[in-house]
Amino acid sequence: MSRRRRAKVLVAAGVAVAAAGGTAAAVGFGGTSGGAAGTSSLPPTTAQVTRSTLTDSETVDGTLGYGTETAVSGKLPGTVTWLPTEGATVKRGQRLYTVDNEPVVLMRGRLPMYRDLRTGVEGADIKLFEENLAALGYDGFTVDDEYTSSTAAAVEQWQEDLGLPETGRVRAGQVVYAPGDVRVYDLQAQVGDATGPGRQVLSYTGTTRVVTVELDIDQQRLAGKGAAASVELPDGKAVPGTVSAVDTIIDPGGQNQEPETRLEVTLALTDQKGLGTLDRATVEVTFVASKRENVLSVPVAALLALAEGGYGVQVVEGTGTRIVPVELGLFSGGRVEVTGDGLVEGASIGVAG
């Protein structure tokens, strides 16, 4: 996905080194280190130490939609006899499509149905199916990992309600599991098509609109799970978002391409009504990695690399100057958070031209 980014912050020590490389050493300004006053000429350019809020933020392009599509391939051999419409919502217990007039039913879960379910079978897939039966209102059995005669009796009632033969057994492929309700995204088959193992029938997404963003791996600081972000819609309206998932995508590359690792970030949007009728749209997402309130800052160009290591700033006092060693904090918008003995708001400092 092509992405246009507007960086709003300079981050990492490498920036400080580059900034310091563009300034002269402390002695080049005629000052002395350790906070002592100097008597040589004043720097040609000065700025002030200011107190403000610094924010490490970055704006990138994202895509508003219903999330990643998941393909559904047929497992039951036969003929497709019914399909939902694109955009339709399918809930737990409802048919997703039909084969030979028998419904393939949606249930909730993350474990795919990989075998027939019948009396005497045990396993985590049994418990998952029984949890769904119970959630649909069927009872008379214990929700556990054993498919008992009581489970079979409940299945017969479920089959009767669906208009299926009352066998008490569930064929592999009769159920499709998804994490929640789904929205039909695209139909790959048509009514009358043959289906079976490996033949894609349709694809679905979630039912709630989200924003997806791709980030470079070195932008990981922006998108921790639970982090807040602001999403600007095409009409200029901003809505809040929260990082709900961060997935690492590894592209192995090819013959002429280097392998690439990137992050796919999903943002949950609580104000669904505020999105109007928007579906597939490009949006701008502003992530805030960190924020420092009421701190002293100076232009990055004011930093001096000290001979003894670290950084300092050249404070101008009357007709003299002195070098004040500083500890660096957050970089933002060409400024950097600093702390140093005797450094106060409004102080005049030298800046490299």
Foldseek 3Di string as FASTA:
>chain_A
DDKDKDFFWDDDVVVLVVLQVLFDFPVVQQAEAPFDKGQDFHFPDKDFWAWWKFFRKIKMKWKKAQDDKDWDAAADWAFWAFADDAFDKAFALGFHTDGPNAGQGEFADDDAQDFKDAAPFFDPVQLRVVVSLVVVPFDQDDRHGGLHVSQLVSVLVSCVVRVHHSPSMGGRRSYGYDNGMWGWHFAPDDGGDTGHPPHTGTMIGHPAMKIKDKFAPVCVLQADAQFKKWKQFPVRDIFIWGWHDKDWDWAPADPPGHIGIIIITIIHGPPRVVVPPDHTGMIMMMTTSDMDGGFIKDFSQQWHAHPVGATWWWFDDPRIIHTWGWDWDGTGNRMTGTDTPPRDGGTMTHGRD
